[in-house]
Amino acid sequence: MNLRATILGLVVTCCSSIGWAQADDAATNVLKDEGFEDIKIKLSEDTVFASIENHAYRGTFRGAATAIRQMERSFPDATYFELLLTEYKMPQIVVHALKREGIWDVRVDREMRTVIVRLNNVLPQHNSTGKIDLTFYPLISLDNHYLDHLFDYNIRIAPTIGMNLWKGARLTLQALIPIAHRLTDRTSEQRYVQFGVNDIEQQIVSTKHWNVSAAAGFFKYNRVGVQAKVEFHTTRNLDFSIDGGITGYQGFARVIKNRYFAPQYKVTKLDQWNLIAKADYYEPHTKLEFELQGGRWLFGDYGARFDLTRHFGEYAIGLYGGIYTGKEKNVGFHFAIPLGGKRQKRNGFIRVRLPEYFNWEYYMENSGDFALKEMGQRYNYRPDDHHSAHYWEPAFVEEYIERILNGTFK
């Protein structure tokens, strides 16, 4: 009798395992059809453990909400969903979703270890490595510090190749191409094709409390060198970071020959170092992000800057003020607004698209010591470095995933 019971138990277990495996495969195919990559899924009793890389939906929360909805349909008997969100195949945050009486309850944090361990032996499907995004970034600059005309303007397009190389690594190749301009300065290098961001960024560590990354290559604007960032997540809403690097100049030097500007490309030695410490706090009730940063800016001046940014879902609009060496002050505003479609599925090896967001920053001071000494300057090592893209703040992502699942945000 005991032998029969044992055999029966083994048969039931094997059948259950086969059924679960088939359900996992079916759910993986559904997520693949949605455009997600690096997919892992495992059903354990009434809980679905999953991991995805989102290259289909705009921002940091739309893809997660879509994935949970699809998994709910694939596993109708499951009651709990644990979804790990990755970037460049590195873990960023985990979504805990539970549906009670038709209402979704969502919690997002960086307690990622359990999901990572559960999925450790699951092979990822629909690999993102080597696939190329060709993105056309619009660049618009205005300068209104003139007495004889309203402003100078410069409109450029920045075709950018982006590709995941290996775990944590992203290759970016970008050119800045002039389209139309009115530039009073006839020696301005913005009249010519320039290098934008051409670098390799490597995320080295991404855990509950720490995020460490580094980049090397050409940065915006006209900088070449190396950069590193260490971020510490103290609490759910408060982060501290130190960001610094050493760079040189690359671009068209202002060489005058026969009274005319003759562009001559040059690269200098790495002789400018910068180091900025920052505190970043997100207040979920008002959706305000507070940033305070200070240290040594690009060209040797010291100072502090305070940013106040309001997040409106996928929109981010903010004000800032800064005080620099010699009591020079600057204020301005910035914004990031959606530009491309909500969904830009990558169907093949190469995808051509617009960026997810258009971002712009205006600063008031552009004359006197502030301009001559190039005070308060910094560079970007990502083409989409702003307050909407790559924004993995748990409380922010949590709110909008829950609202999408419950039908209060579209």
Foldseek 3Di string as FASTA:
>chain_A
DVVVVVVVVVVVVVVVVVVQVVLQVVLLVVLVVQFWFQWFWGDDPQEIQIETEDPWFPFDFPSVLVSVVSNCVSRVSHFWYWYFYDDLQHTAKIWIWGADPNAIDIFIAQQCVVSCVVRVPTGTPHHQAQFKEFAKAWDKDWAQPDDPDRIKIWIWIKTKIWGRHHRQKIFIWIKTGTDDIDDPPQQDQSPHIDTAFGKMKGFDDHHRFKTKIKMAADWPPQKGWIKIKIKTDPDLFKIKMKIKTWIWGWGFDQDADPNHTDTDTDTDDRDWMWMKIKMWGADLVQRKIWMKMWTAAGLGKTWIKIKIWHDDQQKIKIKMKIAIPPRDIKIWIKIKDADWDRTQRDPDRYGYTYDRIHMDIDMDDCDDPCPVSVPPDHIGNDPPPDDTHPPSRRSSSRVVSSCVSSVNHD
